Amino acid sequence: MVGVAAVSKTVRSEAFLMQITLIRLFVIFAMMLAHSMVHAAPKAELWARWQKHDPASTQKIDHGPWDRFLKQYVVAPHPSGINRVRYHLMTPEDLKSLRGYLQSMQDVAISNFNRAEQKAYWINLYNAFTVDLILSRFPVASVRDINISPGLLARGPWGAKLLTVEGEKLSLDDIEHRILRPIWKDNRVHYAVNWASLGCPNLQPAAYTSGNTETLLEQGAREFINHPRGVAIDKGRLQVSSIYIWFQEDFGRDAEDLMEHWQTYANPALAEALEKYSGGLAHDYDWRLNGAESKP
């Protein structure tokens, strides 16, 4: 009888722990849903025209000018743990080179390339154009102050169709939410596209290519999740980037999927803390410019 009682007690204990875990995940997910309703973000809505590609293509796109630009102007690593850009040191010659690269990218018939080349292309085009927008208005405190998007309530540059590829006018929103997210369905894209903000995942000091994209995506995920602006437990409370709230659908169906994503990339100490965590959730995002002269 003693053995039966012990087994029964163990079963009840395991059931209780499972119930606590489910409650914990439900609370976190409920808070995420509430926050996402307040801070709506664009949905991933496929622009079918950009699905065209050539799996057999062996053509390579030259991102050398952008790679040299990044190596010269991105401060990585930075003491803050956030890669910074030396906007204030930009020379007229390097600005001309950047704009030459952007024009050459817009001249590419990207539909004729394979998926790996396309993915690197769209990430680089997005990031290079964002840097160019900052430089065209520098000094500026935040990318959100570049109010050129159409619409009465629109803020920032993301909706302005200032790029032209294969005869189509494109915005930064088009690249991120109508091409990259829906075609590749890879949540690590959020660690690649850079909004020129301190709260954003790092702008890598190298251009993406078909050969290094996977490595850079993994690196970006680890760097961000293990930095306080990404995921942290501060004073007993889980604090995460608003990116995980705005784009929760990309990271899974519920809080359990999101927690699994964080733990995949977390260092051992953070992974253990997340495993034991049983509280609520807060989120934040720092929109200040990621300039080298900006304070952390």
C-alpha atoms as a PDB file:
ATOM      1  CA  MET A   1       0.000   0.000   0.000  1.00  0.00           C
ATOM      2  CA  VAL A   2       2.893   2.314   0.735  1.00  0.00           C
ATOM      3  CA  GLY A   3       4.223   1.814  -2.791  1.00  0.00           C
ATOM      4  CA  VAL A   4       0.826   2.579  -4.315  1.00  0.00           C
ATOM      5  CA  ALA A   5       0.524   5.730  -2.228  1.00  0.00           C
ATOM      6  CA  ALA A   6       3.975   6.888  -3.321  1.00  0.00           C
ATOM      7  CA  VAL A   7       3.167   6.339  -6.994  1.00  0.00           C
ATOM      8  CA  SER A   8      -0.126   8.190  -6.606  1.00  0.00           C
ATOM      9  CA  LYS A   9       1.656  11.096  -4.951  1.00  0.00           C
ATOM     10  CA  THR A  10       4.196  11.241  -7.757  1.00  0.00           C
ATOM     11  CA  VAL A  11       1.476  11.248 -10.416  1.00  0.00           C
ATOM     12  CA  ARG A  12      -0.371  14.061  -8.626  1.00  0.00           C
ATOM     13  CA  SER A  13       2.875  16.022  -8.344  1.00  0.00           C
ATOM     14  CA  GLU A  14       3.635  15.653 -12.049  1.00  0.00           C
ATOM     15  CA  ALA A  15       0.095  16.618 -12.962  1.00  0.00           C
ATOM     16  CA  PHE A  16       0.354  19.695 -10.753  1.00  0.00           C
ATOM     17  CA  LEU A  17       3.646  20.743 -12.389  1.00  0.00           C
ATOM     18  CA  MET A  18       2.138  20.247 -15.822  1.00  0.00           C
ATOM     19  CA  GLN A  19      -0.846  22.373 -14.846  1.00  0.00           C
ATOM     20  CA  ILE A  20       1.429  25.141 -13.571  1.00  0.00           C
ATOM     21  CA  THR A  21       3.433  25.043 -16.806  1.00  0.00           C
ATOM     22  CA  LEU A  22       0.292  25.295 -18.930  1.00  0.00           C
ATOM     23  CA  ILE A  23      -0.997  28.189 -16.839  1.00  0.00           C
ATOM     24  CA  ARG A  24       2.369  29.935 -17.139  1.00  0.00           C
ATOM     25  CA  LEU A  25       2.389  29.587 -20.931  1.00  0.00           C
ATOM     26  CA  PHE A  26      -1.251  30.674 -21.168  1.00  0.00           C
ATOM     27  CA  VAL A  27      -0.553  33.836 -19.171  1.00  0.00           C
ATOM     28  CA  ILE A  28       2.450  34.722 -21.339  1.00  0.00           C
ATOM     29  CA  PHE A  29       0.527  34.056 -24.554  1.00  0.00           C
ATOM     30  CA  ALA A  30      -2.477  36.070 -23.369  1.00  0.00           C
ATOM     31  CA  MET A  31      -0.213  39.019 -22.601  1.00  0.00           C
ATOM     32  CA  MET A  32       1.402  38.693 -26.014  1.00  0.00           C
ATOM     33  CA  LEU A  33      -1.970  38.756 -27.750  1.00  0.00           C
ATOM     34  CA  ALA A  34      -3.070  41.792 -25.757  1.00  0.00           C
ATOM     35  CA  HIS A  35       0.101  43.674 -26.635  1.00  0.00           C
ATOM     36  CA  SER A  36      -0.064  42.701 -30.315  1.00  0.00           C
ATOM     37  CA  MET A  37      -3.574  44.139 -30.569  1.00  0.00           C
ATOM     38  CA  VAL A  38      -2.227  47.493 -29.387  1.00  0.00           C
ATOM     39  CA  HIS A  39       0.975  47.437 -31.478  1.00  0.00           C
ATOM     40  CA  ALA A  40      -0.194  46.073 -34.833  1.00  0.00           C
ATOM     41  CA  ALA A  41       2.470  45.151 -37.395  1.00  0.00           C
ATOM     42  CA  PRO A  42       2.134  44.380 -41.111  1.00  0.00           C
ATOM     43  CA  LYS A  43       1.061  40.838 -41.891  1.00  0.00           C
ATOM     44  CA  ALA A  44       3.086  38.604 -44.182  1.00  0.00           C
ATOM     45  CA  GLU A  45       1.068  38.881 -47.393  1.00  0.00           C
ATOM     46  CA  LEU A  46       2.662  37.304 -50.455  1.00  0.00           C
ATOM     47  CA  TRP A  47       3.270  39.397 -53.552  1.00  0.00           C
ATOM     48  CA  ALA A  48       3.044  36.448 -55.945  1.00  0.00           C
ATOM     49  CA  ARG A  49       4.904  38.235 -58.708  1.00  0.00           C
ATOM     50  CA  TRP A  50       8.189  37.671 -56.782  1.00  0.00           C
ATOM     51  CA  GLN A  51       7.825  33.919 -56.424  1.00  0.00           C
ATOM     52  CA  LYS A  52       9.460  33.406 -59.808  1.00  0.00           C
ATOM     53  CA  HIS A  53      12.960  31.916 -59.589  1.00  0.00           C
ATOM     54  CA  ASP A  54      15.299  29.591 -61.463  1.00  0.00           C
ATOM     55  CA  PRO A  55      16.391  26.621 -59.321  1.00  0.00           C
ATOM     56  CA  ALA A  56      18.971  25.639 -61.941  1.00  0.00           C
ATOM     57  CA  SER A  57      20.633  29.057 -62.066  1.00  0.00           C
ATOM     58  CA  THR A  58      24.289  29.231 -61.007  1.00  0.00           C
ATOM     59  CA  GLN A  59      24.558  33.000 -61.470  1.00  0.00           C
ATOM     60  CA  LYS A  60      26.079  34.972 -58.594  1.00  0.00           C
ATOM     61  CA  ILE A  61      25.316  38.545 -57.586  1.00  0.00           C
ATOM     62  CA  ASP A  62      28.283  40.740 -56.656  1.00  0.00           C
ATOM     63  CA  HIS A  63      27.687  42.293 -53.228  1.00  0.00           C
ATOM     64  CA  GLY A  64      31.332  43.321 -52.909  1.00  0.00           C
ATOM     65  CA  PRO A  65      30.723  47.101 -52.717  1.00  0.00           C
ATOM     66  CA  TRP A  66      28.187  46.649 -49.913  1.00  0.00           C
ATOM     67  CA  ASP A  67      30.487  44.223 -48.098  1.00  0.00           C
ATOM     68  CA  ARG A  68      33.377  46.725 -48.202  1.00  0.00           C
ATOM     69  CA  PHE A  69      31.053  49.477 -46.989  1.00  0.00           C
ATOM     70  CA  LEU A  70      29.932  47.391 -44.011  1.00  0.00           C
ATOM     71  CA  LYS A  71      33.465  46.419 -43.055  1.00  0.00           C
ATOM     72  CA  GLN A  72      34.491  50.068 -43.054  1.00  0.00           C
ATOM     73  CA  TYR A  73      31.499  51.654 -41.324  1.00  0.00           C
ATOM     74  CA  VAL A  74      29.995  49.054 -38.984  1.00  0.00           C
ATOM     75  CA  VAL A  75      31.534  48.930 -35.509  1.00  0.00           C
ATOM     76  CA  ALA A  76      31.411  45.264 -34.534  1.00  0.00           C
ATOM     77  CA  PRO A  77      31.787  44.211 -31.876  1.00  0.00           C
ATOM     78  CA  HIS A  78      30.727  47.325 -29.960  1.00  0.00           C
ATOM     79  CA  PRO A  79      31.091  47.543 -26.141  1.00  0.00           C
ATOM     80  CA  SER A  80      27.293  47.827 -25.843  1.00  0.00           C
ATOM     81  CA  GLY A  81      26.792  44.518 -27.638  1.00  0.00           C
ATOM     82  CA  ILE A  82      24.890  46.387 -30.370  1.00  0.00           C
ATOM     83  CA  ASN A  83      26.672  46.851 -33.696  1.00  0.00           C
ATOM     84  CA  ARG A  84      26.878  50.536 -34.605  1.00  0.00           C
ATOM     85  CA  VAL A  85      27.239  52.475 -37.854  1.00  0.00           C
ATOM     86  CA  ARG A  86      29.689  55.357 -38.329  1.00  0.00           C
ATOM     87  CA  TYR A  87      27.184  57.550 -40.191  1.00  0.00           C
ATOM     88  CA  HIS A  88      29.003  60.676 -39.036  1.00  0.00           C
ATOM     89  CA  LEU A  89      32.252  59.623 -40.783  1.00  0.00           C
ATOM     90  CA  MET A  90      30.714  59.015 -44.204  1.00  0.00           C
ATOM     91  CA  THR A  91      32.762  60.393 -47.098  1.00  0.00           C
ATOM     92  CA  PRO A  92      31.224  61.673 -50.352  1.00  0.00           C
ATOM     93  CA  GLU A  93      33.126  58.953 -52.241  1.00  0.00           C
ATOM     94  CA  ASP A  94      31.727  56.132 -50.086  1.00  0.00           C
ATOM     95  CA  LEU A  95      28.213  57.558 -50.260  1.00  0.00           C
ATOM     96  CA  LYS A  96      28.535  57.599 -54.049  1.00  0.00           C
ATOM     97  CA  SER A  97      29.725  53.975 -53.954  1.00  0.00           C
ATOM     98  CA  LEU A  98      26.746  52.962 -51.790  1.00  0.00           C
ATOM     99  CA  ARG A  99      24.309  54.589 -54.184  1.00  0.00           C
ATOM    100  CA  GLY A 100      26.057  52.986 -57.128  1.00  0.00           C
ATOM    101  CA  TYR A 101      25.581  49.609 -55.458  1.00  0.00           C
ATOM    102  CA  LEU A 102      21.898  50.314 -54.851  1.00  0.00           C
ATOM    103  CA  GLN A 103      21.415  51.251 -58.494  1.00  0.00           C
ATOM    104  CA  SER A 104      23.228  48.134 -59.674  1.00  0.00           C
ATOM    105  CA  MET A 105      20.978  45.992 -57.453  1.00  0.00           C
ATOM    106  CA  GLN A 106      17.885  47.591 -58.971  1.00  0.00           C
ATOM    107  CA  ASP A 107      19.209  46.674 -62.417  1.00  0.00           C
ATOM    108  CA  VAL A 108      19.368  42.964 -61.507  1.00  0.00           C
ATOM    109  CA  ALA A 109      16.730  40.700 -63.076  1.00  0.00           C
ATOM    110  CA  ILE A 110      16.312  38.908 -59.752  1.00  0.00           C
ATOM    111  CA  SER A 111      13.611  36.522 -60.983  1.00  0.00           C
ATOM    112  CA  ASN A 112      16.286  34.701 -63.001  1.00  0.00           C
ATOM    113  CA  PHE A 113      18.276  33.643 -59.922  1.00  0.00           C
ATOM    114  CA  ASN A 114      17.943  30.719 -57.534  1.00  0.00           C
ATOM    115  CA  ARG A 115      16.310  31.068 -54.129  1.00  0.00           C
ATOM    116  CA  ALA A 116      19.589  31.316 -52.171  1.00  0.00           C
ATOM    117  CA  GLU A 117      20.811  34.226 -54.297  1.00  0.00           C
ATOM    118  CA  GLN A 118      17.413  35.894 -54.057  1.00  0.00           C
ATOM    119  CA  LYS A 119      17.279  35.705 -50.271  1.00  0.00           C
ATOM    120  CA  ALA A 120      20.687  37.327 -49.864  1.00  0.00           C
ATOM    121  CA  TYR A 121      19.772  39.926 -52.497  1.00  0.00           C
ATOM    122  CA  TRP A 122      16.595  41.100 -50.789  1.00  0.00           C
ATOM    123  CA  ILE A 123      18.242  41.298 -47.341  1.00  0.00           C
ATOM    124  CA  ASN A 124      21.161  43.336 -48.690  1.00  0.00           C
ATOM    125  CA  LEU A 125      18.911  45.613 -50.732  1.00  0.00           C
ATOM    126  CA  TYR A 126      16.756  46.278 -47.661  1.00  0.00           C
ATOM    127  CA  ASN A 127      19.684  47.057 -45.371  1.00  0.00           C
ATOM    128  CA  ALA A 128      21.688  49.110 -47.867  1.00  0.00           C
ATOM    129  CA  PHE A 129      18.669  51.240 -48.735  1.00  0.00           C
ATOM    130  CA  THR A 130      17.878  51.802 -45.043  1.00  0.00           C
ATOM    131  CA  VAL A 131      21.435  53.050 -44.460  1.00  0.00           C
ATOM    132  CA  ASP A 132      21.117  55.322 -47.496  1.00  0.00           C
ATOM    133  CA  LEU A 133      17.869  56.766 -46.131  1.00  0.00           C
ATOM    134  CA  ILE A 134      19.580  57.587 -42.832  1.00  0.00           C
ATOM    135  CA  LEU A 135      22.515  59.215 -44.611  1.00  0.00           C
ATOM    136  CA  SER A 136      20.198  61.270 -46.803  1.00  0.00           C
ATOM    137  CA  ARG A 137      18.657  62.846 -43.670  1.00  0.00           C
ATOM    138  CA  PHE A 138      21.600  62.707 -41.294  1.00  0.00           C
ATOM    139  CA  PRO A 139      21.751  63.818 -38.528  1.00  0.00           C
ATOM    140  CA  VAL A 140      18.504  62.209 -37.434  1.00  0.00           C
ATOM    141  CA  ALA A 141      17.569  60.864 -33.993  1.00  0.00           C
ATOM    142  CA  SER A 142      15.473  57.941 -35.216  1.00  0.00           C
ATOM    143  CA  VAL A 143      14.493  56.277 -38.464  1.00  0.00           C
ATOM    144  CA  ARG A 144      10.884  56.924 -37.467  1.00  0.00           C
ATOM    145  CA  ASP A 145      11.544  60.643 -37.914  1.00  0.00           C
ATOM    146  CA  ILE A 146      11.936  60.108 -41.668  1.00  0.00           C
ATOM    147  CA  ASN A 147       8.229  60.526 -42.358  1.00  0.00           C
ATOM    148  CA  ILE A 148       7.955  59.861 -46.074  1.00  0.00           C
ATOM    149  CA  SER A 149       5.448  56.985 -46.089  1.00  0.00           C
ATOM    150  CA  PRO A 150       2.042  57.639 -47.666  1.00  0.00           C
ATOM    151  CA  GLY A 151      -0.980  57.792 -45.391  1.00  0.00           C
ATOM    152  CA  LEU A 152      -2.224  60.235 -42.785  1.00  0.00           C
ATOM    153  CA  LEU A 153      -1.170  58.133 -39.793  1.00  0.00           C
ATOM    154  CA  ALA A 154       1.913  56.516 -41.353  1.00  0.00           C
ATOM    155  CA  ARG A 155       5.240  57.089 -39.645  1.00  0.00           C
ATOM    156  CA  GLY A 156       8.744  56.378 -40.892  1.00  0.00           C
ATOM    157  CA  PRO A 157      10.034  55.497 -44.364  1.00  0.00           C
ATOM    158  CA  TRP A 158       8.826  51.916 -44.712  1.00  0.00           C
ATOM    159  CA  GLY A 159       5.804  52.506 -46.947  1.00  0.00           C
ATOM    160  CA  ALA A 160       7.475  54.808 -49.485  1.00  0.00           C
ATOM    161  CA  LYS A 161       7.991  53.080 -52.855  1.00  0.00           C
ATOM    162  CA  LEU A 162      11.432  54.453 -53.678  1.00  0.00           C
ATOM    163  CA  LEU A 163      13.052  51.376 -55.217  1.00  0.00           C
ATOM    164  CA  THR A 164      12.408  49.907 -58.668  1.00  0.00           C
ATOM    165  CA  VAL A 165      13.176  46.271 -59.494  1.00  0.00           C
ATOM    166  CA  GLU A 166      12.150  44.658 -62.781  1.00  0.00           C
ATOM    167  CA  GLY A 167       9.941  47.671 -63.453  1.00  0.00           C
ATOM    168  CA  GLU A 168       8.041  47.337 -60.159  1.00  0.00           C
ATOM    169  CA  LYS A 169       8.016  50.101 -57.561  1.00  0.00           C
ATOM    170  CA  LEU A 170       8.969  48.703 -54.149  1.00  0.00           C
ATOM    171  CA  SER A 171       9.001  49.870 -50.546  1.00  0.00           C
ATOM    172  CA  LEU A 172      10.905  48.504 -47.575  1.00  0.00           C
ATOM    173  CA  ASP A 173       7.596  47.087 -46.326  1.00  0.00           C
ATOM    174  CA  ASP A 174       7.160  45.278 -49.637  1.00  0.00           C
ATOM    175  CA  ILE A 175      10.578  43.638 -49.318  1.00  0.00           C
ATOM    176  CA  GLU A 176      10.117  42.539 -45.711  1.00  0.00           C
ATOM    177  CA  HIS A 177       6.430  41.681 -45.496  1.00  0.00           C
ATOM    178  CA  ARG A 178       5.462  40.755 -49.062  1.00  0.00           C
ATOM    179  CA  ILE A 179       8.643  39.045 -50.234  1.00  0.00           C
ATOM    180  CA  LEU A 180      11.055  37.858 -47.539  1.00  0.00           C
ATOM    181  CA  ARG A 181       8.615  36.742 -44.843  1.00  0.00           C
ATOM    182  CA  PRO A 182       5.954  35.004 -46.979  1.00  0.00           C
ATOM    183  CA  ILE A 183       8.278  33.376 -49.521  1.00  0.00           C
ATOM    184  CA  TRP A 184      10.895  31.957 -47.168  1.00  0.00           C
ATOM    185  CA  LYS A 185       8.813  31.633 -43.988  1.00  0.00           C
ATOM    186  CA  ASP A 186      12.051  31.857 -41.998  1.00  0.00           C
ATOM    187  CA  ASN A 187      11.620  33.727 -38.711  1.00  0.00           C
ATOM    188  CA  ARG A 188      15.370  34.387 -38.643  1.00  0.00           C
ATOM    189  CA  VAL A 189      14.778  37.023 -41.325  1.00  0.00           C
ATOM    190  CA  HIS A 190      13.872  39.274 -38.400  1.00  0.00           C
ATOM    191  CA  TYR A 191      17.498  38.999 -37.274  1.00  0.00           C
ATOM    192  CA  ALA A 192      18.718  40.064 -40.726  1.00  0.00           C
ATOM    193  CA  VAL A 193      16.694  43.080 -41.864  1.00  0.00           C
ATOM    194  CA  ASN A 194      17.868  46.131 -39.959  1.00  0.00           C
ATOM    195  CA  TRP A 195      15.739  49.137 -39.026  1.00  0.00           C
ATOM    196  CA  ALA A 196      18.755  51.311 -38.082  1.00  0.00           C
ATOM    197  CA  SER A 197      17.669  51.251 -34.427  1.00  0.00           C
ATOM    198  CA  LEU A 198      19.339  50.316 -31.155  1.00  0.00           C
ATOM    199  CA  GLY A 199      16.466  47.926 -30.431  1.00  0.00           C
ATOM    200  CA  CYS A 200      16.987  46.032 -33.691  1.00  0.00           C
ATOM    201  CA  PRO A 201      19.048  42.875 -34.180  1.00  0.00           C
ATOM    202  CA  ASN A 202      22.581  43.646 -35.322  1.00  0.00           C
ATOM    203  CA  LEU A 203      23.471  44.946 -38.747  1.00  0.00           C
ATOM    204  CA  GLN A 204      26.154  42.404 -39.591  1.00  0.00           C
ATOM    205  CA  PRO A 205      29.587  43.691 -40.706  1.00  0.00           C
ATOM    206  CA  ALA A 206      29.399  41.599 -43.871  1.00  0.00           C
ATOM    207  CA  ALA A 207      27.101  41.390 -46.863  1.00  0.00           C
ATOM    208  CA  TYR A 208      24.808  38.390 -47.157  1.00  0.00           C
ATOM    209  CA  THR A 209      25.636  35.944 -49.935  1.00  0.00           C
ATOM    210  CA  SER A 210      24.195  32.610 -51.001  1.00  0.00           C
ATOM    211  CA  GLY A 211      27.156  31.003 -49.247  1.00  0.00           C
ATOM    212  CA  ASN A 212      27.011  32.735 -45.856  1.00  0.00           C
ATOM    213  CA  THR A 213      23.313  33.517 -45.318  1.00  0.00           C
ATOM    214  CA  GLU A 214      22.676  30.523 -43.078  1.00  0.00           C
ATOM    215  CA  THR A 215      25.709  31.324 -40.906  1.00  0.00           C
ATOM    216  CA  LEU A 216      24.780  34.998 -40.565  1.00  0.00           C
ATOM    217  CA  LEU A 217      21.146  34.222 -39.724  1.00  0.00           C
ATOM    218  CA  GLU A 218      22.212  31.835 -36.961  1.00  0.00           C
ATOM    219  CA  GLN A 219      24.738  34.352 -35.675  1.00  0.00           C
ATOM    220  CA  GLY A 220      22.166  37.136 -35.683  1.00  0.00           C
ATOM    221  CA  ALA A 221      19.673  35.030 -33.727  1.00  0.00           C
ATOM    222  CA  ARG A 222      22.213  34.088 -31.045  1.00  0.00           C
ATOM    223  CA  GLU A 223      23.545  37.622 -30.680  1.00  0.00           C
ATOM    224  CA  PHE A 224      20.083  39.115 -30.275  1.00  0.00           C
ATOM    225  CA  ILE A 225      18.500  36.546 -27.982  1.00  0.00           C
ATOM    226  CA  ASN A 226      21.503  36.609 -25.646  1.00  0.00           C
ATOM    227  CA  HIS A 227      21.520  40.409 -25.404  1.00  0.00           C
ATOM    228  CA  PRO A 228      19.218  42.214 -22.919  1.00  0.00           C
ATOM    229  CA  ARG A 229      17.380  44.015 -25.740  1.00  0.00           C
ATOM    230  CA  GLY A 230      16.356  40.618 -27.116  1.00  0.00           C
ATOM    231  CA  VAL A 231      15.472  38.347 -24.196  1.00  0.00           C
ATOM    232  CA  ALA A 232      16.279  38.796 -20.513  1.00  0.00           C
ATOM    233  CA  ILE A 233      14.906  38.068 -17.081  1.00  0.00           C
ATOM    234  CA  ASP A 234      15.314  41.315 -15.176  1.00  0.00           C
ATOM    235  CA  LYS A 235      14.379  41.521 -11.498  1.00  0.00           C
ATOM    236  CA  GLY A 236      12.397  38.311 -11.819  1.00  0.00           C
ATOM    237  CA  ARG A 237      10.398  39.424 -14.864  1.00  0.00           C
ATOM    238  CA  LEU A 238      10.736  38.260 -18.455  1.00  0.00           C
ATOM    239  CA  GLN A 239      11.636  41.221 -20.682  1.00  0.00           C
ATOM    240  CA  VAL A 240      11.705  40.684 -24.444  1.00  0.00           C
ATOM    241  CA  SER A 241      11.961  42.689 -27.630  1.00  0.00           C
ATOM    242  CA  SER A 242       8.699  43.974 -29.071  1.00  0.00           C
ATOM    243  CA  ILE A 243       9.678  42.192 -32.291  1.00  0.00           C
ATOM    244  CA  TYR A 244       8.422  38.968 -30.703  1.00  0.00           C
ATOM    245  CA  ILE A 245       5.067  40.616 -30.003  1.00  0.00           C
ATOM    246  CA  TRP A 246       4.631  42.429 -33.308  1.00  0.00           C
ATOM    247  CA  PHE A 247       5.564  39.327 -35.330  1.00  0.00           C
ATOM    248  CA  GLN A 248       4.495  36.570 -32.956  1.00  0.00           C
ATOM    249  CA  GLU A 249       2.867  34.630 -35.798  1.00  0.00           C
ATOM    250  CA  ASP A 250       6.292  34.079 -37.367  1.00  0.00           C
ATOM    251  CA  PHE A 251       7.662  32.409 -34.245  1.00  0.00           C
ATOM    252  CA  GLY A 252       4.945  29.832 -33.720  1.00  0.00           C
ATOM    253  CA  ARG A 253       1.351  29.309 -32.700  1.00  0.00           C
ATOM    254  CA  ASP A 254       1.732  30.066 -29.013  1.00  0.00           C
ATOM    255  CA  ALA A 255       4.039  31.018 -26.152  1.00  0.00           C
ATOM    256  CA  GLU A 256       5.402  27.488 -25.955  1.00  0.00           C
ATOM    257  CA  ASP A 257       6.720  27.743 -29.519  1.00  0.00           C
ATOM    258  CA  LEU A 258       8.248  31.126 -28.776  1.00  0.00           C
ATOM    259  CA  MET A 259       9.867  29.850 -25.594  1.00  0.00           C
ATOM    260  CA  GLU A 260      11.316  26.935 -27.568  1.00  0.00           C
ATOM    261  CA  HIS A 261      12.729  29.365 -30.131  1.00  0.00           C
ATOM    262  CA  TRP A 262      14.463  31.411 -27.436  1.00  0.00           C
ATOM    263  CA  GLN A 263      15.872  28.325 -25.746  1.00  0.00           C
ATOM    264  CA  THR A 264      17.266  27.060 -29.044  1.00  0.00           C
ATOM    265  CA  TYR A 265      19.604  30.049 -29.245  1.00  0.00           C
ATOM    266  CA  ALA A 266      19.998  30.995 -25.571  1.00  0.00           C
ATOM    267  CA  ASN A 267      23.267  30.445 -23.756  1.00  0.00           C
ATOM    268  CA  PRO A 268      23.103  27.806 -20.979  1.00  0.00           C
ATOM    269  CA  ALA A 269      22.380  30.288 -18.175  1.00  0.00           C
ATOM    270  CA  LEU A 270      19.544  32.018 -20.029  1.00  0.00           C
ATOM    271  CA  ALA A 271      18.095  28.722 -21.266  1.00  0.00           C
ATOM    272  CA  GLU A 272      17.959  27.412 -17.689  1.00  0.00           C
ATOM    273  CA  ALA A 273      16.354  30.620 -16.437  1.00  0.00           C
ATOM    274  CA  LEU A 274      13.711  30.445 -19.173  1.00  0.00           C
ATOM    275  CA  GLU A 275      12.994  26.809 -18.331  1.00  0.00           C
ATOM    276  CA  LYS A 276      12.265  27.743 -14.724  1.00  0.00           C
ATOM    277  CA  TYR A 277      10.426  30.994 -15.417  1.00  0.00           C
ATOM    278  CA  SER A 278       6.809  31.223 -14.271  1.00  0.00           C
ATOM    279  CA  GLY A 279       5.911  34.937 -14.348  1.00  0.00           C
ATOM    280  CA  GLY A 280       4.460  37.410 -16.813  1.00  0.00           C
ATOM    281  CA  LEU A 281       6.002  39.198 -19.767  1.00  0.00           C
ATOM    282  CA  ALA A 282       7.001  42.765 -20.662  1.00  0.00           C
ATOM    283  CA  HIS A 283       8.336  44.056 -23.957  1.00  0.00           C
ATOM    284  CA  ASP A 284      10.081  47.127 -25.303  1.00  0.00           C
ATOM    285  CA  TYR A 285      11.886  48.469 -28.360  1.00  0.00           C
ATOM    286  CA  ASP A 286      14.504  51.248 -28.568  1.00  0.00           C
ATOM    287  CA  TRP A 287      13.947  53.331 -31.699  1.00  0.00           C
ATOM    288  CA  ARG A 288      17.027  55.534 -31.233  1.00  0.00           C
ATOM    289  CA  LEU A 289      19.448  55.540 -34.150  1.00  0.00           C
ATOM    290  CA  ASN A 290      22.143  52.845 -34.156  1.00  0.00           C
ATOM    291  CA  GLY A 291      24.849  55.412 -34.820  1.00  0.00           C
ATOM    292  CA  ALA A 292      28.353  54.916 -33.466  1.00  0.00           C
ATOM    293  CA  GLU A 293      28.048  58.159 -31.538  1.00  0.00           C
ATOM    294  CA  SER A 294      24.708  57.206 -29.931  1.00  0.00           C
ATOM    295  CA  LYS A 295      24.600  56.396 -26.217  1.00  0.00           C
ATOM    296  CA  PRO A 296      23.505  52.843 -25.272  1.00  0.00           C
END
